[in-house]
Amino acid sequence: MGGRDLDWILLEKFGGEFAAKHGADPRKNPRCIVRILEAVEKARKTISSTTDSPINIDYLLEEEDLNALLSRTDFETLIDPFLRRFTALLKATLDESGK
């Protein structure tokens, strides 16, 4: 588990919202994926010390901008299923090892 795993969760969220709003999916464009990952990584790091962080990418795809706000609460809600799966895996590993 690492920060990049969490960034991919955010990429899915904000890429999906962009696709729904503009009719073009940035998750299918490698350049857009890199730009979104960079922006969400910065936002993820920012919310560790604040309650929210803006995500703004000018001209992401087809001259449309991505403008969103990531709150710590939304972030925690989004990653909760991932953390639960990870925790279950760790617990199963410990159980198998007899510790």
C-alpha atoms as a PDB file:
ATOM      1  CA  MET A   1       0.000   0.000   0.000  1.00  0.00           C
ATOM      2  CA  GLY A   2       1.332   3.381  -0.913  1.00  0.00           C
ATOM      3  CA  GLY A   3       0.310   6.874  -1.767  1.00  0.00           C
ATOM      4  CA  ARG A   4       0.075   6.053  -5.457  1.00  0.00           C
ATOM      5  CA  ASP A   5      -2.648   3.475  -4.703  1.00  0.00           C
ATOM      6  CA  LEU A   6      -4.655   6.237  -3.063  1.00  0.00           C
ATOM      7  CA  ASP A   7      -3.965   8.580  -5.983  1.00  0.00           C
ATOM      8  CA  TRP A   8      -5.502   6.034  -8.374  1.00  0.00           C
ATOM      9  CA  ILE A   9      -8.670   6.019  -6.282  1.00  0.00           C
ATOM     10  CA  LEU A  10      -8.815   9.806  -6.597  1.00  0.00           C
ATOM     11  CA  LEU A  11      -8.067   9.595 -10.325  1.00  0.00           C
ATOM     12  CA  GLU A  12     -11.104   7.351 -10.755  1.00  0.00           C
ATOM     13  CA  LYS A  13     -13.313   9.767  -8.810  1.00  0.00           C
ATOM     14  CA  PHE A  14     -12.277  13.012 -10.464  1.00  0.00           C
ATOM     15  CA  GLY A  15     -11.739  11.474 -13.905  1.00  0.00           C
ATOM     16  CA  GLY A  16     -15.233   9.986 -13.730  1.00  0.00           C
ATOM     17  CA  GLU A  17     -16.758  13.282 -12.662  1.00  0.00           C
ATOM     18  CA  PHE A  18     -14.983  15.064 -15.516  1.00  0.00           C
ATOM     19  CA  ALA A  19     -16.204  12.443 -18.010  1.00  0.00           C
ATOM     20  CA  ALA A  20     -19.789  12.743 -16.777  1.00  0.00           C
ATOM     21  CA  LYS A  21     -19.702  16.529 -16.998  1.00  0.00           C
ATOM     22  CA  HIS A  22     -17.875  16.971 -20.303  1.00  0.00           C
ATOM     23  CA  GLY A  23     -18.544  13.746 -22.184  1.00  0.00           C
ATOM     24  CA  ALA A  24     -14.826  12.978 -22.661  1.00  0.00           C
ATOM     25  CA  ASP A  25     -12.958  10.576 -20.399  1.00  0.00           C
ATOM     26  CA  PRO A  26      -9.483  11.759 -19.349  1.00  0.00           C
ATOM     27  CA  ARG A  27      -8.789   8.301 -17.877  1.00  0.00           C
ATOM     28  CA  LYS A  28      -8.315   7.025 -21.441  1.00  0.00           C
ATOM     29  CA  ASN A  29      -5.569   9.536 -22.233  1.00  0.00           C
ATOM     30  CA  PRO A  30      -2.100   8.822 -20.773  1.00  0.00           C
ATOM     31  CA  ARG A  31      -1.151  12.523 -20.671  1.00  0.00           C
ATOM     32  CA  CYS A  32      -4.333  13.370 -18.779  1.00  0.00           C
ATOM     33  CA  ILE A  33      -3.772  10.499 -16.356  1.00  0.00           C
ATOM     34  CA  VAL A  34      -0.331  11.853 -15.463  1.00  0.00           C
ATOM     35  CA  ARG A  35      -1.675  15.373 -14.980  1.00  0.00           C
ATOM     36  CA  ILE A  36      -4.512  14.189 -12.752  1.00  0.00           C
ATOM     37  CA  LEU A  37      -2.202  11.951 -10.703  1.00  0.00           C
ATOM     38  CA  GLU A  38       0.140  14.887 -10.109  1.00  0.00           C
ATOM     39  CA  ALA A  39      -2.743  17.129  -9.014  1.00  0.00           C
ATOM     40  CA  VAL A  40      -4.378  14.583  -6.712  1.00  0.00           C
ATOM     41  CA  GLU A  41      -1.040  13.688  -5.124  1.00  0.00           C
ATOM     42  CA  LYS A  42      -0.511  17.346  -4.263  1.00  0.00           C
ATOM     43  CA  ALA A  43      -4.075  17.621  -2.904  1.00  0.00           C
ATOM     44  CA  ARG A  44      -3.701  14.409  -0.880  1.00  0.00           C
ATOM     45  CA  LYS A  45      -0.541  15.736   0.740  1.00  0.00           C
ATOM     46  CA  THR A  46      -2.171  19.119   1.416  1.00  0.00           C
ATOM     47  CA  ILE A  47      -5.179  17.651   3.229  1.00  0.00           C
ATOM     48  CA  SER A  48      -2.880  16.041   5.756  1.00  0.00           C
ATOM     49  CA  SER A  49      -2.525  19.503   7.304  1.00  0.00           C
ATOM     50  CA  THR A  50      -5.760  21.215   6.190  1.00  0.00           C
ATOM     51  CA  THR A  51      -9.406  20.245   5.873  1.00  0.00           C
ATOM     52  CA  ASP A  52      -9.618  20.553   2.081  1.00  0.00           C
ATOM     53  CA  SER A  53      -7.591  21.218  -1.037  1.00  0.00           C
ATOM     54  CA  PRO A  54      -8.535  22.451  -4.509  1.00  0.00           C
ATOM     55  CA  ILE A  55      -7.711  20.436  -7.612  1.00  0.00           C
ATOM     56  CA  ASN A  56      -7.393  22.646 -10.674  1.00  0.00           C
ATOM     57  CA  ILE A  57      -6.044  21.530 -14.029  1.00  0.00           C
ATOM     58  CA  ASP A  58      -6.361  23.977 -16.912  1.00  0.00           C
ATOM     59  CA  TYR A  59      -7.159  22.543 -20.345  1.00  0.00           C
ATOM     60  CA  LEU A  60      -7.144  18.947 -19.175  1.00  0.00           C
ATOM     61  CA  LEU A  61      -8.954  17.532 -22.188  1.00  0.00           C
ATOM     62  CA  GLU A  62     -10.662  19.100 -25.192  1.00  0.00           C
ATOM     63  CA  GLU A  63      -9.949  22.563 -23.770  1.00  0.00           C
ATOM     64  CA  GLU A  64     -11.990  21.809 -20.647  1.00  0.00           C
ATOM     65  CA  ASP A  65     -10.654  22.441 -17.148  1.00  0.00           C
ATOM     66  CA  LEU A  66     -10.858  20.143 -14.156  1.00  0.00           C
ATOM     67  CA  ASN A  67     -11.864  22.102 -11.065  1.00  0.00           C
ATOM     68  CA  ALA A  68     -12.724  20.236  -7.900  1.00  0.00           C
ATOM     69  CA  LEU A  69     -12.303  20.321  -4.156  1.00  0.00           C
ATOM     70  CA  LEU A  70     -11.016  17.398  -2.119  1.00  0.00           C
ATOM     71  CA  SER A  71     -12.016  17.430   1.527  1.00  0.00           C
ATOM     72  CA  ARG A  72     -10.380  15.239   4.131  1.00  0.00           C
ATOM     73  CA  THR A  73     -13.775  13.718   4.962  1.00  0.00           C
ATOM     74  CA  ASP A  74     -14.465  12.814   1.314  1.00  0.00           C
ATOM     75  CA  PHE A  75     -10.951  11.402   0.987  1.00  0.00           C
ATOM     76  CA  GLU A  76     -11.364   9.196   4.046  1.00  0.00           C
ATOM     77  CA  THR A  77     -14.719   7.970   2.745  1.00  0.00           C
ATOM     78  CA  LEU A  78     -13.282   7.183  -0.691  1.00  0.00           C
ATOM     79  CA  ILE A  79     -10.321   5.197   0.617  1.00  0.00           C
ATOM     80  CA  ASP A  80     -12.218   3.350   3.348  1.00  0.00           C
ATOM     81  CA  PRO A  81     -13.017   0.249   1.200  1.00  0.00           C
ATOM     82  CA  PHE A  82      -9.358   0.039   0.158  1.00  0.00           C
ATOM     83  CA  LEU A  83      -8.171   0.327   3.750  1.00  0.00           C
ATOM     84  CA  ARG A  84     -10.643  -2.342   4.872  1.00  0.00           C
ATOM     85  CA  ARG A  85      -9.368  -4.775   2.214  1.00  0.00           C
ATOM     86  CA  PHE A  86      -5.775  -3.993   3.156  1.00  0.00           C
ATOM     87  CA  THR A  87      -6.475  -4.441   6.873  1.00  0.00           C
ATOM     88  CA  ALA A  88      -8.208  -7.775   6.223  1.00  0.00           C
ATOM     89  CA  LEU A  89      -5.216  -8.953   4.195  1.00  0.00           C
ATOM     90  CA  LEU A  90      -2.828  -7.983   6.988  1.00  0.00           C
ATOM     91  CA  LYS A  91      -4.963  -9.722   9.577  1.00  0.00           C
ATOM     92  CA  ALA A  92      -5.169 -12.900   7.482  1.00  0.00           C
ATOM     93  CA  THR A  93      -1.414 -12.853   7.010  1.00  0.00           C
ATOM     94  CA  LEU A  94      -0.821 -12.505  10.727  1.00  0.00           C
ATOM     95  CA  ASP A  95      -3.302 -15.284  11.477  1.00  0.00           C
ATOM     96  CA  GLU A  96      -1.570 -17.607   9.029  1.00  0.00           C
ATOM     97  CA  SER A  97       1.822 -16.844  10.530  1.00  0.00           C
ATOM     98  CA  GLY A  98       0.562 -17.765  14.015  1.00  0.00           C
ATOM     99  CA  LYS A  99       1.383 -14.363  15.500  1.00  0.00           C
END
